[in-house]
């Protein structure tokens, strides 16, 4: 049940005809595991907390650095040297005291992924390396948890939703392969526009809300690609790989 304070807080969402009290109740019951409290994670955590997601588990073993502040607005100069997960969880609770935000300052890997992610309604992965992304994907398939994957670099961003345990759906490895040593996008080398991180992280939060509540058309099996240098946006289907060693093993 939603309290009177929650009804007031979420009033502008609840009055949406395609959302309503039922949608808000689903968010309150939801548990999202956020991988990475960085450029994508910070705006995503902000809007998921504000939207009323009942539980947020924030997994990140990094500390705040000065170079993060350009695109990670949950942090300030005073947070430099502090654990990102701790600061982000505290910020989420400050944004919305009805949200149970839990900090997990650990590096997720193949050994602990399933234990860390078990029980989540949805996984939002905004980390910055393939080894972690592939470990998350493997656990998501094994645990039958929807995986919302988001990435940024320079002026480009991507968001996709995978349910790879389903017979007709791809997993993340169907798109990128299963090589943890694959070279990825390094923002320290390629740069990244801070406002793009905000766009993609906020879009990931909206897609998480959509996936949890059934709002509008699902992104499952599709990849949204943004090129904000020239303001281009497109979606493509992600076909399943019949030889995928993760979801078709």
Foldseek 3Di string as FASTA:
>chain_A
DADPVRCVLQVVQQPPPLQHPLLLVLQLVAEEEEEDQALQNQLLLLVSLSSRRAEYEYEAQDFDDPVRVQARVLDDPVRGPPQSQVSSQVSSCVSPVNHHYHGHNDQDALVCQLVSCPPGQAYEYEDFFQRSVLSNQLNCLVRQHKYWYKYFFAQKIKIAIFRLLDPWTATPCLPVNRDRPDDTHDCVPRNYRNVSSNVRSNVSNVLVSCVSRVRDDHRGQKMWMARRVVGDIDIDGRGHDCPHPRSND
